Amino acid sequence: MIVAIDGPAASGKTTVARRVAERLGFGVLPSGATYRALAFAALKRGLSPDEAEVMADLAGRVSIDIDGRPDAVRVTVDGEDVSAAIGSPVVAGAASRLSRHPAVRDRLVALQRALAERLGDVVAEGRDMTTVVFADAPVKVYLDASPAERAHRRHAELAACGRAAHLALSTVEADLAARDEQDTTRSAAPLTRTRDAHYLDTTDLGIEAVVDRIVDLVSRVP
């Protein structure tokens, strides 16, 4: 079974997906990791994420793998463990730029589907899981939260990594707003909520409450 979760940045997708996977004994597939892994490969080779043909060609040549462990997802590029490296702001920025190319998305969508098939039962999270990659998933969820709450979460996340010492909350909120604009208006697989996706506003919900609701949705599948 595939549980597909979409939503904007800092809505809780990654944490919720891992907790749901742990509860159900499923694997987890953070689709954004495939884009960041490709970005890592591009930066390592000195290639520009803005070059569509170059990025599409690279996506067809590098080997990207995700082991699907909910407790500590391991991402490799050509056999190299890049799990920690792809979390850097530089890699994230490059991933955002290359994700705009339709040909790149096509290749990585194929990869994500292949990874899910290998993992079997899986919780997949991202921004086009319910609309493109796993549009036929039996359980589809759209996670959301207020802009202010999402900014608080992202700021706390950055602080925990030592990256928010001189970063104002207002700056984080502005960055998220810019990301939302990019994600919802891009021509290739924009972030959107489908009619058959269960909408969960997590602004005032704890993680376990959200997880409980999704696990309940799974239990209702015939």
N, C-alpha and C. Protein backbone atom coordinates (compact mmCIF):
# COMPACT_ATOMS: atom_id res chain seq x y z
N MET A 1 0.84 -1.20 0.00
CA MET A 1 0.00 0.00 0.00
C MET A 1 0.87 1.25 0.00
N ILE A 2 0.37 2.30 -0.65
CA ILE A 2 1.06 3.58 -0.65
C ILE A 2 0.20 4.62 0.05
N VAL A 3 0.79 5.30 1.03
CA VAL A 3 0.17 6.43 1.68
C VAL A 3 0.90 7.66 1.15
N ALA A 4 0.18 8.51 0.43
CA ALA A 4 0.80 9.68 -0.20
C ALA A 4 0.46 10.94 0.59
N ILE A 5 1.49 11.71 0.94
CA ILE A 5 1.31 12.93 1.74
C ILE A 5 1.94 14.11 1.02
N ASP A 6 1.16 15.15 0.80
CA ASP A 6 1.65 16.39 0.21
C ASP A 6 1.43 17.54 1.18
N GLY A 7 2.00 18.69 0.85
CA GLY A 7 1.80 19.88 1.65
C GLY A 7 2.95 20.84 1.50
N PRO A 8 2.77 22.08 1.91
CA PRO A 8 3.83 23.08 1.79
C PRO A 8 4.98 22.84 2.76
N ALA A 9 6.04 23.57 2.57
CA ALA A 9 7.22 23.45 3.44
C ALA A 9 6.85 23.73 4.89
N ALA A 10 7.44 22.93 5.79
CA ALA A 10 7.27 23.09 7.23
C ALA A 10 5.85 22.81 7.71
N SER A 11 5.10 22.03 6.95
CA SER A 11 3.76 21.66 7.39
C SER A 11 3.79 20.39 8.23
N GLY A 12 4.96 19.77 8.33
CA GLY A 12 5.12 18.58 9.17
C GLY A 12 5.19 17.28 8.41
N LYS A 13 5.30 17.34 7.09
CA LYS A 13 5.26 16.14 6.26
C LYS A 13 6.32 15.11 6.64
N THR A 14 7.56 15.56 6.77
CA THR A 14 8.65 14.61 7.00
C THR A 14 8.49 13.88 8.32
N THR A 15 8.25 14.63 9.39
CA THR A 15 8.09 14.02 10.71
C THR A 15 6.88 13.10 10.76
N VAL A 16 5.77 13.58 10.23
CA VAL A 16 4.54 12.79 10.24
C VAL A 16 4.71 11.52 9.42
N ALA A 17 5.30 11.64 8.24
CA ALA A 17 5.49 10.47 7.38
C ALA A 17 6.32 9.40 8.08
N ARG A 18 7.37 9.81 8.77
CA ARG A 18 8.22 8.84 9.46
C ARG A 18 7.48 8.18 10.62
N ARG A 19 6.70 8.97 11.35
CA ARG A 19 5.96 8.41 12.49
C ARG A 19 4.88 7.44 11.99
N VAL A 20 4.21 7.81 10.92
CA VAL A 20 3.17 6.94 10.36
C VAL A 20 3.81 5.63 9.88
N ALA A 21 4.94 5.75 9.20
CA ALA A 21 5.65 4.56 8.70
C ALA A 21 6.06 3.65 9.86
N GLU A 22 6.54 4.25 10.93
CA GLU A 22 6.94 3.46 12.10
C GLU A 22 5.74 2.72 12.69
N ARG A 23 4.61 3.42 12.81
CA ARG A 23 3.41 2.81 13.39
C ARG A 23 2.89 1.66 12.54
N LEU A 24 2.98 1.81 11.22
CA LEU A 24 2.41 0.81 10.32
C LEU A 24 3.41 -0.25 9.89
N GLY A 25 4.68 -0.03 10.18
CA GLY A 25 5.70 -0.97 9.72
C GLY A 25 5.98 -0.81 8.23
N PHE A 26 5.78 0.41 7.71
CA PHE A 26 6.01 0.71 6.31
C PHE A 26 7.40 1.32 6.12
N GLY A 27 7.83 1.39 4.87
CA GLY A 27 9.01 2.16 4.55
C GLY A 27 8.61 3.61 4.35
N VAL A 28 9.58 4.51 4.29
CA VAL A 28 9.28 5.92 4.07
C VAL A 28 10.05 6.43 2.86
N LEU A 29 9.39 7.25 2.05
CA LEU A 29 10.01 7.78 0.84
C LEU A 29 9.87 9.30 0.82
N PRO A 30 10.91 10.03 1.27
CA PRO A 30 10.89 11.49 1.19
C PRO A 30 11.31 11.91 -0.22
N SER A 31 10.35 12.25 -1.06
CA SER A 31 10.65 12.51 -2.46
C SER A 31 11.63 13.67 -2.64
N GLY A 32 11.58 14.64 -1.73
CA GLY A 32 12.49 15.77 -1.84
C GLY A 32 13.95 15.35 -1.78
N ALA A 33 14.21 14.21 -1.12
CA ALA A 33 15.58 13.72 -1.01
C ALA A 33 16.14 13.34 -2.37
N THR A 34 15.28 12.91 -3.30
CA THR A 34 15.78 12.56 -4.63
C THR A 34 16.26 13.81 -5.36
N TYR A 35 15.54 14.93 -5.19
CA TYR A 35 15.95 16.18 -5.82
C TYR A 35 17.22 16.72 -5.18
N ARG A 36 17.30 16.61 -3.85
CA ARG A 36 18.50 17.10 -3.18
C ARG A 36 19.70 16.22 -3.51
N ALA A 37 19.47 14.93 -3.68
CA ALA A 37 20.57 14.03 -4.04
C ALA A 37 21.10 14.39 -5.43
N LEU A 38 20.19 14.68 -6.35
CA LEU A 38 20.60 15.09 -7.69
C LEU A 38 21.34 16.43 -7.63
N ALA A 39 20.86 17.34 -6.79
CA ALA A 39 21.52 18.63 -6.63
C ALA A 39 22.93 18.45 -6.08
N PHE A 40 23.07 17.55 -5.11
CA PHE A 40 24.39 17.25 -4.56
C PHE A 40 25.33 16.77 -5.67
N ALA A 41 24.83 15.86 -6.50
CA ALA A 41 25.65 15.32 -7.59
C ALA A 41 26.04 16.42 -8.57
N ALA A 42 25.11 17.33 -8.84
CA ALA A 42 25.39 18.42 -9.77
C ALA A 42 26.45 19.37 -9.22
N LEU A 43 26.30 19.76 -7.96
CA LEU A 43 27.26 20.68 -7.35
C LEU A 43 28.63 20.05 -7.25
N LYS A 44 28.67 18.77 -6.95
CA LYS A 44 29.95 18.06 -6.84
C LYS A 44 30.69 18.07 -8.17
N ARG A 45 29.92 18.06 -9.26
CA ARG A 45 30.52 18.06 -10.61
C ARG A 45 30.68 19.46 -11.19
N GLY A 46 30.28 20.48 -10.42
CA GLY A 46 30.40 21.85 -10.90
C GLY A 46 29.40 22.20 -11.99
N LEU A 47 28.23 21.52 -11.98
CA LEU A 47 27.21 21.75 -12.99
C LEU A 47 26.14 22.71 -12.46
N SER A 48 25.54 23.48 -13.35
CA SER A 48 24.53 24.45 -12.95
C SER A 48 23.15 23.81 -12.88
N PRO A 49 22.45 23.98 -11.76
CA PRO A 49 21.10 23.44 -11.63
C PRO A 49 20.10 24.10 -12.58
N ASP A 50 20.50 25.22 -13.17
CA ASP A 50 19.60 25.95 -14.06
C ASP A 50 19.63 25.42 -15.49
N GLU A 51 20.57 24.54 -15.80
CA GLU A 51 20.68 23.98 -17.14
C GLU A 51 19.80 22.73 -17.26
N ALA A 52 18.64 22.90 -17.88
CA ALA A 52 17.65 21.82 -17.93
C ALA A 52 18.18 20.54 -18.58
N GLU A 53 18.79 20.66 -19.74
CA GLU A 53 19.26 19.46 -20.44
C GLU A 53 20.39 18.78 -19.68
N VAL A 54 21.26 19.58 -19.10
CA VAL A 54 22.39 19.03 -18.35
C VAL A 54 21.86 18.27 -17.12
N MET A 55 20.88 18.86 -16.43
CA MET A 55 20.32 18.22 -15.23
C MET A 55 19.55 16.95 -15.59
N ALA A 56 18.82 16.98 -16.68
CA ALA A 56 18.07 15.78 -17.10
C ALA A 56 19.04 14.67 -17.46
N ASP A 57 20.13 15.02 -18.14
CA ASP A 57 21.13 14.02 -18.50
C ASP A 57 21.77 13.43 -17.24
N LEU A 58 22.08 14.29 -16.28
CA LEU A 58 22.69 13.83 -15.04
C LEU A 58 21.73 12.90 -14.28
N ALA A 59 20.45 13.26 -14.29
CA ALA A 59 19.46 12.44 -13.59
C ALA A 59 19.38 11.04 -14.18
N GLY A 60 19.70 10.93 -15.45
CA GLY A 60 19.68 9.62 -16.09
C GLY A 60 20.95 8.82 -15.89
N ARG A 61 22.00 9.47 -15.39
CA ARG A 61 23.30 8.80 -15.24
C ARG A 61 23.65 8.44 -13.81
N VAL A 62 23.23 9.26 -12.85
CA VAL A 62 23.62 8.97 -11.46
C VAL A 62 22.69 7.92 -10.84
N SER A 63 23.22 7.22 -9.88
CA SER A 63 22.44 6.21 -9.15
C SER A 63 22.05 6.78 -7.80
N ILE A 64 20.74 7.00 -7.60
CA ILE A 64 20.23 7.55 -6.35
C ILE A 64 19.39 6.47 -5.66
N ASP A 65 19.67 6.25 -4.38
CA ASP A 65 18.93 5.22 -3.67
C ASP A 65 18.52 5.74 -2.29
N ILE A 66 17.36 5.28 -1.82
CA ILE A 66 16.84 5.61 -0.50
C ILE A 66 16.45 4.30 0.17
N ASP A 67 16.95 4.06 1.38
CA ASP A 67 16.71 2.76 2.01
C ASP A 67 15.35 2.64 2.70
N GLY A 68 14.68 3.77 2.92
CA GLY A 68 13.32 3.71 3.44
C GLY A 68 13.16 3.47 4.93
N ARG A 69 14.24 3.52 5.71
CA ARG A 69 14.12 3.28 7.15
C ARG A 69 13.51 4.50 7.83
N PRO A 70 12.37 4.36 8.49
CA PRO A 70 11.73 5.52 9.13
C PRO A 70 12.58 6.18 10.21
N ASP A 71 13.37 5.38 10.93
CA ASP A 71 14.14 5.94 12.04
C ASP A 71 15.33 6.77 11.59
N ALA A 72 15.90 6.43 10.45
CA ALA A 72 17.07 7.17 9.94
C ALA A 72 17.24 6.86 8.46
N VAL A 73 16.55 7.62 7.64
CA VAL A 73 16.59 7.39 6.19
C VAL A 73 18.01 7.59 5.67
N ARG A 74 18.47 6.63 4.89
CA ARG A 74 19.81 6.72 4.31
C ARG A 74 19.68 6.96 2.81
N VAL A 75 20.33 8.03 2.33
CA VAL A 75 20.29 8.39 0.92
C VAL A 75 21.70 8.26 0.35
N THR A 76 21.81 7.58 -0.78
CA THR A 76 23.12 7.43 -1.40
C THR A 76 23.09 7.92 -2.84
N VAL A 77 24.24 8.43 -3.28
CA VAL A 77 24.44 8.84 -4.67
C VAL A 77 25.67 8.11 -5.18
N ASP A 78 25.45 7.24 -6.15
CA ASP A 78 26.54 6.40 -6.67
C ASP A 78 27.27 5.67 -5.55
N GLY A 79 26.49 5.19 -4.58
CA GLY A 79 27.04 4.41 -3.48
C GLY A 79 27.56 5.22 -2.32
N GLU A 80 27.63 6.55 -2.45
CA GLU A 80 28.13 7.41 -1.37
C GLU A 80 26.98 7.87 -0.49
N ASP A 81 27.13 7.71 0.82
CA ASP A 81 26.10 8.14 1.75
C ASP A 81 26.11 9.67 1.84
N VAL A 82 25.02 10.29 1.38
CA VAL A 82 24.93 11.75 1.36
C VAL A 82 23.79 12.24 2.26
N SER A 83 23.34 11.38 3.15
CA SER A 83 22.20 11.69 4.00
C SER A 83 22.35 13.01 4.74
N ALA A 84 23.53 13.27 5.29
CA ALA A 84 23.75 14.51 6.03
C ALA A 84 24.03 15.68 5.08
N ALA A 85 24.79 15.43 4.06
CA ALA A 85 25.21 16.49 3.14
C ALA A 85 24.05 17.16 2.41
N ILE A 86 23.01 16.39 2.08
CA ILE A 86 21.92 16.97 1.29
C ILE A 86 21.00 17.86 2.13
N GLY A 87 21.26 17.97 3.42
CA GLY A 87 20.46 18.83 4.26
C GLY A 87 20.94 20.27 4.30
N SER A 88 22.05 20.57 3.63
CA SER A 88 22.60 21.92 3.66
C SER A 88 21.74 22.89 2.86
N PRO A 89 21.70 24.17 3.25
CA PRO A 89 20.92 25.17 2.52
C PRO A 89 21.37 25.31 1.07
N VAL A 90 22.66 25.15 0.80
CA VAL A 90 23.16 25.27 -0.57
C VAL A 90 22.58 24.17 -1.45
N VAL A 91 22.57 22.95 -0.95
CA VAL A 91 22.02 21.83 -1.71
C VAL A 91 20.51 22.00 -1.87
N ALA A 92 19.84 22.44 -0.82
CA ALA A 92 18.40 22.65 -0.88
C ALA A 92 18.04 23.70 -1.93
N GLY A 93 18.84 24.77 -1.97
CA GLY A 93 18.60 25.81 -2.96
C GLY A 93 18.78 25.31 -4.38
N ALA A 94 19.82 24.52 -4.59
CA ALA A 94 20.08 23.95 -5.92
C ALA A 94 18.97 22.98 -6.31
N ALA A 95 18.47 22.23 -5.34
CA ALA A 95 17.40 21.27 -5.61
C ALA A 95 16.14 22.00 -6.04
N SER A 96 15.86 23.12 -5.40
CA SER A 96 14.69 23.91 -5.76
C SER A 96 14.79 24.41 -7.19
N ARG A 97 15.98 24.79 -7.60
CA ARG A 97 16.18 25.31 -8.96
C ARG A 97 16.04 24.22 -10.02
N LEU A 98 16.63 23.06 -9.78
CA LEU A 98 16.56 22.00 -10.80
C LEU A 98 15.19 21.33 -10.85
N SER A 99 14.42 21.46 -9.76
CA SER A 99 13.10 20.83 -9.73
C SER A 99 12.12 21.51 -10.68
N ARG A 100 12.48 22.67 -11.19
CA ARG A 100 11.59 23.39 -12.11
C ARG A 100 11.60 22.80 -13.51
N HIS A 101 12.58 21.96 -13.82
CA HIS A 101 12.71 21.42 -15.17
C HIS A 101 11.82 20.18 -15.35
N PRO A 102 10.86 20.22 -16.28
CA PRO A 102 9.96 19.08 -16.49
C PRO A 102 10.69 17.76 -16.79
N ALA A 103 11.75 17.83 -17.57
CA ALA A 103 12.47 16.59 -17.93
C ALA A 103 13.13 15.97 -16.70
N VAL A 104 13.61 16.82 -15.80
CA VAL A 104 14.21 16.33 -14.55
C VAL A 104 13.13 15.68 -13.70
N ARG A 105 11.98 16.34 -13.59
CA ARG A 105 10.90 15.79 -12.79
C ARG A 105 10.44 14.45 -13.34
N ASP A 106 10.38 14.33 -14.66
CA ASP A 106 9.96 13.07 -15.27
C ASP A 106 10.89 11.92 -14.85
N ARG A 107 12.20 12.19 -14.89
CA ARG A 107 13.16 11.14 -14.52
C ARG A 107 13.07 10.79 -13.04
N LEU A 108 12.89 11.81 -12.21
CA LEU A 108 12.86 11.54 -10.77
C LEU A 108 11.52 10.94 -10.33
N VAL A 109 10.45 11.26 -11.04
CA VAL A 109 9.17 10.61 -10.76
C VAL A 109 9.29 9.11 -11.03
N ALA A 110 9.93 8.78 -12.15
CA ALA A 110 10.15 7.36 -12.48
C ALA A 110 10.98 6.69 -11.40
N LEU A 111 11.99 7.39 -10.90
CA LEU A 111 12.84 6.85 -9.83
C LEU A 111 12.01 6.63 -8.56
N GLN A 112 11.20 7.62 -8.19
CA GLN A 112 10.40 7.51 -6.97
C GLN A 112 9.43 6.34 -7.04
N ARG A 113 8.84 6.13 -8.21
CA ARG A 113 7.93 4.99 -8.37
C ARG A 113 8.68 3.67 -8.26
N ALA A 114 9.87 3.63 -8.82
CA ALA A 114 10.68 2.41 -8.75
C ALA A 114 11.09 2.13 -7.31
N LEU A 115 11.45 3.17 -6.56
CA LEU A 115 11.83 3.00 -5.16
C LEU A 115 10.64 2.50 -4.35
N ALA A 116 9.47 3.06 -4.60
CA ALA A 116 8.27 2.64 -3.87
C ALA A 116 7.94 1.18 -4.16
N GLU A 117 8.10 0.79 -5.42
CA GLU A 117 7.81 -0.61 -5.78
C GLU A 117 8.76 -1.56 -5.06
N ARG A 118 10.02 -1.13 -4.93
CA ARG A 118 10.99 -1.97 -4.24
C ARG A 118 10.71 -2.04 -2.74
N LEU A 119 10.30 -0.92 -2.17
CA LEU A 119 10.07 -0.86 -0.73
C LEU A 119 8.78 -1.57 -0.33
N GLY A 120 7.82 -1.65 -1.24
CA GLY A 120 6.54 -2.30 -0.92
C GLY A 120 5.59 -1.32 -0.26
N ASP A 121 5.13 -1.62 0.95
CA ASP A 121 4.28 -0.69 1.68
C ASP A 121 5.11 0.53 2.06
N VAL A 122 4.61 1.71 1.68
CA VAL A 122 5.44 2.90 1.86
C VAL A 122 4.61 4.15 2.11
N VAL A 123 5.17 5.06 2.91
CA VAL A 123 4.59 6.38 3.12
C VAL A 123 5.47 7.35 2.33
N ALA A 124 4.90 7.95 1.29
CA ALA A 124 5.65 8.86 0.43
C ALA A 124 5.22 10.30 0.68
N GLU A 125 6.18 11.17 0.91
CA GLU A 125 5.83 12.57 1.18
C GLU A 125 6.57 13.52 0.26
N GLY A 126 5.89 14.61 -0.08
CA GLY A 126 6.50 15.60 -0.96
C GLY A 126 5.52 16.68 -1.34
N ARG A 127 5.58 17.11 -2.61
CA ARG A 127 4.69 18.16 -3.08
C ARG A 127 3.86 17.75 -4.29
N ASP A 128 4.16 16.57 -4.85
CA ASP A 128 3.34 16.08 -5.96
C ASP A 128 3.06 14.58 -5.82
N MET A 129 3.08 14.09 -4.60
CA MET A 129 2.83 12.67 -4.37
C MET A 129 1.38 12.30 -4.67
N THR A 130 0.43 13.15 -4.24
CA THR A 130 -0.99 12.84 -4.43
C THR A 130 -1.49 13.24 -5.80
N THR A 131 -0.79 14.13 -6.47
CA THR A 131 -1.28 14.64 -7.75
C THR A 131 -0.63 13.99 -8.96
N VAL A 132 0.63 13.57 -8.84
CA VAL A 132 1.36 13.05 -9.99
C VAL A 132 1.96 11.67 -9.73
N VAL A 133 2.86 11.60 -8.76
CA VAL A 133 3.65 10.39 -8.57
C VAL A 133 2.79 9.19 -8.17
N PHE A 134 1.92 9.39 -7.18
CA PHE A 134 1.06 8.30 -6.72
C PHE A 134 -0.39 8.77 -6.70
N ALA A 135 -0.85 9.23 -7.84
CA ALA A 135 -2.20 9.78 -7.95
C ALA A 135 -3.28 8.75 -7.64
N ASP A 136 -2.95 7.46 -7.74
CA ASP A 136 -3.92 6.40 -7.46
C ASP A 136 -3.74 5.79 -6.08
N ALA A 137 -2.96 6.43 -5.22
CA ALA A 137 -2.75 5.89 -3.87
C ALA A 137 -4.07 5.77 -3.13
N PRO A 138 -4.28 4.69 -2.39
CA PRO A 138 -5.55 4.50 -1.67
C PRO A 138 -5.74 5.48 -0.51
N VAL A 139 -4.64 6.03 0.00
CA VAL A 139 -4.73 7.03 1.06
C VAL A 139 -3.91 8.25 0.63
N LYS A 140 -4.60 9.39 0.50
CA LYS A 140 -3.94 10.63 0.07
C LYS A 140 -4.25 11.71 1.10
N VAL A 141 -3.20 12.38 1.56
CA VAL A 141 -3.35 13.38 2.62
C VAL A 141 -2.65 14.67 2.22
N TYR A 142 -3.30 15.79 2.51
CA TYR A 142 -2.67 17.10 2.30
C TYR A 142 -2.52 17.75 3.67
N LEU A 143 -1.29 17.88 4.11
CA LEU A 143 -0.99 18.52 5.40
C LEU A 143 -0.79 20.01 5.20
N ASP A 144 -1.30 20.79 6.14
CA ASP A 144 -1.13 22.24 6.05
C ASP A 144 -1.00 22.81 7.47
N ALA A 145 -0.65 24.07 7.56
CA ALA A 145 -0.59 24.80 8.83
C ALA A 145 -0.53 26.28 8.48
N SER A 146 -0.82 27.12 9.43
CA SER A 146 -0.79 28.56 9.18
C SER A 146 0.64 29.00 8.86
N PRO A 147 0.79 30.07 8.08
CA PRO A 147 2.14 30.57 7.76
C PRO A 147 2.97 30.86 9.01
N ALA A 148 2.32 31.44 10.03
CA ALA A 148 3.06 31.77 11.26
C ALA A 148 3.55 30.51 11.96
N GLU A 149 2.70 29.49 12.04
CA GLU A 149 3.09 28.24 12.70
C GLU A 149 4.20 27.55 11.92
N ARG A 150 4.08 27.55 10.62
CA ARG A 150 5.11 26.92 9.79
C ARG A 150 6.45 27.63 9.95
N ALA A 151 6.41 28.95 10.06
CA ALA A 151 7.64 29.72 10.25
C ALA A 151 8.28 29.39 11.60
N HIS A 152 7.46 29.26 12.64
CA HIS A 152 7.97 28.90 13.96
C HIS A 152 8.64 27.52 13.91
N ARG A 153 8.00 26.59 13.22
CA ARG A 153 8.55 25.24 13.13
C ARG A 153 9.88 25.24 12.39
N ARG A 154 9.92 25.93 11.26
CA ARG A 154 11.16 25.96 10.49
C ARG A 154 12.27 26.66 11.25
N HIS A 155 11.95 27.74 11.95
CA HIS A 155 12.96 28.47 12.73
C HIS A 155 13.52 27.57 13.83
N ALA A 156 12.63 26.82 14.50
CA ALA A 156 13.07 25.91 15.55
C ALA A 156 13.95 24.80 14.97
N GLU A 157 13.57 24.34 13.80
CA GLU A 157 14.34 23.29 13.11
C GLU A 157 15.74 23.78 12.79
N LEU A 158 15.82 25.01 12.29
CA LEU A 158 17.13 25.58 11.95
C LEU A 158 17.95 25.85 13.21
N ALA A 159 17.27 26.29 14.27
CA ALA A 159 17.97 26.55 15.53
C ALA A 159 18.58 25.26 16.09
N ALA A 160 17.83 24.17 15.95
CA ALA A 160 18.32 22.88 16.45
C ALA A 160 19.57 22.44 15.71
N CYS A 161 19.72 22.91 14.48
CA CYS A 161 20.90 22.56 13.68
C CYS A 161 21.98 23.63 13.76
N GLY A 162 21.74 24.65 14.61
CA GLY A 162 22.72 25.72 14.75
C GLY A 162 22.76 26.68 13.59
N ARG A 163 21.67 26.77 12.83
CA ARG A 163 21.67 27.63 11.64
C ARG A 163 20.79 28.88 11.78
N ALA A 164 20.26 29.12 12.99
CA ALA A 164 19.32 30.23 13.13
C ALA A 164 19.78 31.29 14.13
N ALA A 165 21.05 31.30 14.46
CA ALA A 165 21.56 32.22 15.47
C ALA A 165 21.23 33.68 15.16
N HIS A 166 21.36 34.07 13.89
CA HIS A 166 21.12 35.46 13.52
C HIS A 166 20.02 35.57 12.45
N LEU A 167 19.11 34.60 12.47
CA LEU A 167 18.05 34.57 11.48
C LEU A 167 16.73 34.96 12.13
N ALA A 168 16.15 36.08 11.69
CA ALA A 168 14.90 36.55 12.26
C ALA A 168 13.73 35.67 11.81
N LEU A 169 12.75 35.55 12.69
CA LEU A 169 11.57 34.76 12.37
C LEU A 169 10.86 35.31 11.13
N SER A 170 10.85 36.63 11.01
CA SER A 170 10.20 37.26 9.86
C SER A 170 10.90 36.88 8.55
N THR A 171 12.21 36.69 8.62
CA THR A 171 12.95 36.27 7.43
C THR A 171 12.56 34.85 7.02
N VAL A 172 12.42 33.99 8.02
CA VAL A 172 12.02 32.61 7.74
C VAL A 172 10.63 32.59 7.13
N GLU A 173 9.72 33.39 7.67
CA GLU A 173 8.35 33.43 7.14
C GLU A 173 8.34 33.94 5.70
N ALA A 174 9.17 34.93 5.42
CA ALA A 174 9.26 35.46 4.06
C ALA A 174 9.82 34.42 3.10
N ASP A 175 10.82 33.67 3.57
CA ASP A 175 11.40 32.62 2.73
C ASP A 175 10.37 31.54 2.41
N LEU A 176 9.56 31.18 3.42
CA LEU A 176 8.53 30.17 3.20
C LEU A 176 7.46 30.67 2.23
N ALA A 177 7.13 31.95 2.34
CA ALA A 177 6.13 32.53 1.43
C ALA A 177 6.64 32.49 -0.01
N ALA A 178 7.93 32.77 -0.18
CA ALA A 178 8.53 32.72 -1.52
C ALA A 178 8.53 31.30 -2.05
N ARG A 179 8.81 30.34 -1.17
CA ARG A 179 8.81 28.94 -1.58
C ARG A 179 7.40 28.49 -1.97
N ASP A 180 6.42 28.93 -1.19
CA ASP A 180 5.03 28.60 -1.50
C ASP A 180 4.65 29.12 -2.88
N GLU A 181 5.05 30.35 -3.16
CA GLU A 181 4.74 30.97 -4.46
C GLU A 181 5.36 30.16 -5.58
N GLN A 182 6.60 29.75 -5.38
CA GLN A 182 7.30 28.97 -6.40
C GLN A 182 6.64 27.60 -6.58
N ASP A 183 6.32 26.94 -5.48
CA ASP A 183 5.77 25.59 -5.55
C ASP A 183 4.38 25.55 -6.17
N THR A 184 3.58 26.57 -5.90
CA THR A 184 2.19 26.55 -6.37
C THR A 184 2.01 27.12 -7.77
N THR A 185 3.01 27.83 -8.27
CA THR A 185 2.86 28.47 -9.59
C THR A 185 3.77 27.88 -10.66
N ARG A 186 4.64 26.95 -10.31
CA ARG A 186 5.53 26.38 -11.33
C ARG A 186 4.70 25.61 -12.36
N SER A 187 5.22 25.55 -13.57
CA SER A 187 4.49 24.88 -14.65
C SER A 187 4.51 23.36 -14.51
N ALA A 188 5.57 22.83 -13.94
CA ALA A 188 5.71 21.38 -13.80
C ALA A 188 5.23 20.92 -12.43
N ALA A 189 4.14 20.17 -12.41
CA ALA A 189 3.60 19.56 -11.18
C ALA A 189 3.53 20.53 -10.00
N PRO A 190 2.74 21.59 -10.12
CA PRO A 190 2.63 22.54 -9.01
C PRO A 190 1.98 21.91 -7.78
N LEU A 191 2.32 22.43 -6.61
CA LEU A 191 1.71 21.96 -5.38
C LEU A 191 0.25 22.36 -5.37
N THR A 192 -0.64 21.39 -5.21
CA THR A 192 -2.06 21.67 -5.14
C THR A 192 -2.75 20.56 -4.36
N ARG A 193 -3.92 20.86 -3.85
CA ARG A 193 -4.68 19.88 -3.09
C ARG A 193 -5.73 19.25 -3.99
N THR A 194 -5.73 17.94 -4.10
CA THR A 194 -6.71 17.25 -4.91
C THR A 194 -7.99 17.03 -4.10
N ARG A 195 -9.10 16.87 -4.80
CA ARG A 195 -10.38 16.72 -4.13
C ARG A 195 -10.46 15.45 -3.28
N ASP A 196 -9.72 14.42 -3.69
CA ASP A 196 -9.79 13.16 -2.95
C ASP A 196 -8.72 13.04 -1.86
N ALA A 197 -7.97 14.10 -1.63
CA ALA A 197 -6.96 14.08 -0.57
C ALA A 197 -7.59 14.59 0.73
N HIS A 198 -7.32 13.90 1.82
CA HIS A 198 -7.83 14.32 3.12
C HIS A 198 -7.01 15.51 3.61
N TYR A 199 -7.70 16.62 3.89
CA TYR A 199 -7.02 17.84 4.33
C TYR A 199 -6.88 17.84 5.85
N LEU A 200 -5.64 18.04 6.31
CA LEU A 200 -5.38 18.11 7.75
C LEU A 200 -4.63 19.39 8.07
N ASP A 201 -5.28 20.28 8.80
CA ASP A 201 -4.63 21.50 9.27
C ASP A 201 -3.95 21.17 10.59
N THR A 202 -2.63 21.21 10.59
CA THR A 202 -1.86 20.78 11.76
C THR A 202 -1.47 21.93 12.69
N THR A 203 -2.01 23.11 12.43
CA THR A 203 -1.62 24.29 13.22
C THR A 203 -1.75 24.05 14.71
N ASP A 204 -2.88 23.49 15.12
CA ASP A 204 -3.13 23.28 16.55
C ASP A 204 -3.17 21.81 16.92
N LEU A 205 -2.57 20.97 16.08
CA LEU A 205 -2.55 19.54 16.36
C LEU A 205 -1.12 19.08 16.68
N GLY A 206 -1.01 18.22 17.67
CA GLY A 206 0.29 17.63 17.96
C GLY A 206 0.60 16.56 16.93
N ILE A 207 1.86 16.18 16.83
CA ILE A 207 2.28 15.20 15.83
C ILE A 207 1.53 13.88 15.98
N GLU A 208 1.39 13.40 17.20
CA GLU A 208 0.75 12.11 17.40
C GLU A 208 -0.73 12.14 17.02
N ALA A 209 -1.37 13.30 17.21
CA ALA A 209 -2.77 13.43 16.81
C ALA A 209 -2.90 13.32 15.30
N VAL A 210 -1.97 13.93 14.59
CA VAL A 210 -1.98 13.87 13.13
C VAL A 210 -1.71 12.43 12.68
N VAL A 211 -0.73 11.81 13.31
CA VAL A 211 -0.39 10.42 12.97
C VAL A 211 -1.59 9.51 13.22
N ASP A 212 -2.27 9.70 14.33
CA ASP A 212 -3.44 8.88 14.65
C ASP A 212 -4.49 8.98 13.54
N ARG A 213 -4.70 10.18 13.04
CA ARG A 213 -5.73 10.39 12.01
C ARG A 213 -5.35 9.68 10.71
N ILE A 214 -4.08 9.73 10.37
CA ILE A 214 -3.66 9.09 9.13
C ILE A 214 -3.69 7.58 9.26
N VAL A 215 -3.25 7.07 10.40
CA VAL A 215 -3.30 5.62 10.64
C VAL A 215 -4.75 5.15 10.59
N ASP A 216 -5.66 5.96 11.11
CA ASP A 216 -7.08 5.60 11.06
C ASP A 216 -7.57 5.54 9.60
N LEU A 217 -7.12 6.48 8.77
CA LEU A 217 -7.50 6.46 7.36
C LEU A 217 -7.02 5.18 6.68
N VAL A 218 -5.81 4.77 7.03
CA VAL A 218 -5.26 3.54 6.47
C VAL A 218 -6.09 2.34 6.90
N SER A 219 -6.50 2.33 8.16
CA SER A 219 -7.26 1.18 8.68
C SER A 219 -8.62 1.05 8.00
N ARG A 220 -9.11 2.12 7.39
CA ARG A 220 -10.42 2.10 6.74
C ARG A 220 -10.36 1.61 5.29
N VAL A 221 -9.15 1.45 4.78
CA VAL A 221 -9.03 0.98 3.40
C VAL A 221 -9.42 -0.49 3.33
N PRO A 222 -10.32 -0.84 2.42
CA PRO A 222 -10.76 -2.23 2.33
C PRO A 222 -9.60 -3.19 2.04
